[in-house]
Amino acid sequence: MILEETDKLYLYDSYEDAYLIDKESSDILFTDSFYGGPSCALIDPNNKYAIVAGKHLTLWDCYGGNNKLTKFETE
C-alpha cells in the first residue's frame, strides 16, 4: 500500500517493511522494518526528506546530495 507520494518519490509498505522509491530510476532509497507495520508517512514536497512512523520514527534526508537515515526510538 502506498503511504505517501510526490512527483518524484513514493513510500509504500509491504507487511512490516517500508520502502522509499525514486520514480525515475526505480532505485530503493531506503528500506526499514516496523514491528506491526508503519502507521503513517510524509514526504517533503521538494523531495528533500521523508518520515515514516510506527513503533519508531525514521527520517531520511538528502540535503547537500547526501542520503542520511536517522532512527528515533519511541517508548
Protein backbone atom coordinates (compact mmCIF):
# COMPACT_ATOMS: atom_id res chain seq x y z
CA MET A 1 0.00 0.00 0.00
CA ILE A 2 1.30 3.48 -0.87
CA LEU A 3 1.68 5.57 2.29
CA GLU A 4 2.79 8.82 0.62
CA GLU A 5 3.72 10.03 -2.86
CA THR A 6 5.17 13.06 -4.63
CA ASP A 7 6.04 13.72 -8.26
CA LYS A 8 9.49 12.07 -7.81
CA LEU A 9 9.19 9.69 -4.85
CA TYR A 10 6.78 7.25 -3.31
CA LEU A 11 6.79 5.48 0.01
CA TYR A 12 4.96 2.19 0.42
CA ASP A 13 4.66 -0.57 2.95
CA SER A 14 4.67 -4.30 2.47
CA TYR A 15 3.68 -6.16 5.62
CA GLU A 16 6.09 -4.73 8.24
CA ASP A 17 8.57 -3.04 5.87
CA ALA A 18 8.59 0.47 4.41
CA TYR A 19 10.32 1.37 1.14
CA LEU A 20 11.16 4.77 -0.34
CA ILE A 21 11.42 4.56 -4.13
CA ASP A 22 12.75 7.01 -6.72
CA LYS A 23 10.13 7.00 -9.51
CA GLU A 24 12.56 7.94 -12.30
CA SER A 25 15.23 5.31 -11.63
CA SER A 26 13.17 2.78 -9.59
CA ASP A 27 16.03 2.82 -7.04
CA ILE A 28 15.20 1.94 -3.45
CA LEU A 29 16.44 4.92 -1.43
CA PHE A 30 15.80 3.23 1.90
CA THR A 31 14.01 0.33 3.48
CA ASP A 32 13.12 -0.07 7.14
CA SER A 33 11.24 -2.64 9.23
CA PHE A 34 8.49 -1.70 11.68
CA TYR A 35 7.04 -4.11 14.20
CA GLY A 36 3.33 -4.10 13.42
CA GLY A 37 3.95 -2.11 10.22
CA PRO A 38 4.34 1.63 9.65
CA SER A 39 1.36 3.73 10.70
CA CYS A 40 1.99 6.94 8.73
CA ALA A 41 4.45 8.70 6.43
CA LEU A 42 5.27 12.09 4.97
CA ILE A 43 7.46 13.15 2.03
CA ASP A 44 8.58 16.75 1.73
CA PRO A 45 7.02 18.43 -1.37
CA ASN A 46 10.58 19.28 -2.51
CA ASN A 47 11.67 15.62 -2.07
CA LYS A 48 14.42 16.53 0.41
CA TYR A 49 13.19 14.40 3.32
CA ALA A 50 10.77 11.63 4.22
CA ILE A 51 9.47 10.48 7.60
CA VAL A 52 7.94 7.10 8.43
CA ALA A 53 6.42 6.35 11.83
CA GLY A 54 5.37 3.20 13.62
CA LYS A 55 6.97 1.65 16.71
CA HIS A 56 9.86 4.01 15.91
CA LEU A 57 10.35 7.05 13.68
CA THR A 58 12.69 7.04 10.68
CA LEU A 59 13.89 10.21 8.97
CA TRP A 60 15.52 10.12 5.53
CA ASP A 61 17.07 13.29 4.17
CA CYS A 62 19.21 14.16 1.18
CA TYR A 63 20.32 17.72 1.89
CA GLY A 64 23.56 18.56 0.10
CA GLY A 65 23.22 15.44 -2.06
CA ASN A 66 24.00 13.10 0.83
CA ASN A 67 21.47 10.43 1.78
CA LYS A 68 21.18 10.13 5.55
CA LEU A 69 18.94 7.82 7.57
CA THR A 70 18.20 8.57 11.24
CA LYS A 71 16.09 6.37 13.53
CA PHE A 72 14.38 7.66 16.66
CA GLU A 73 13.20 5.06 19.16
CA THR A 74 9.87 5.58 20.92
CA GLU A 75 8.63 4.26 24.22
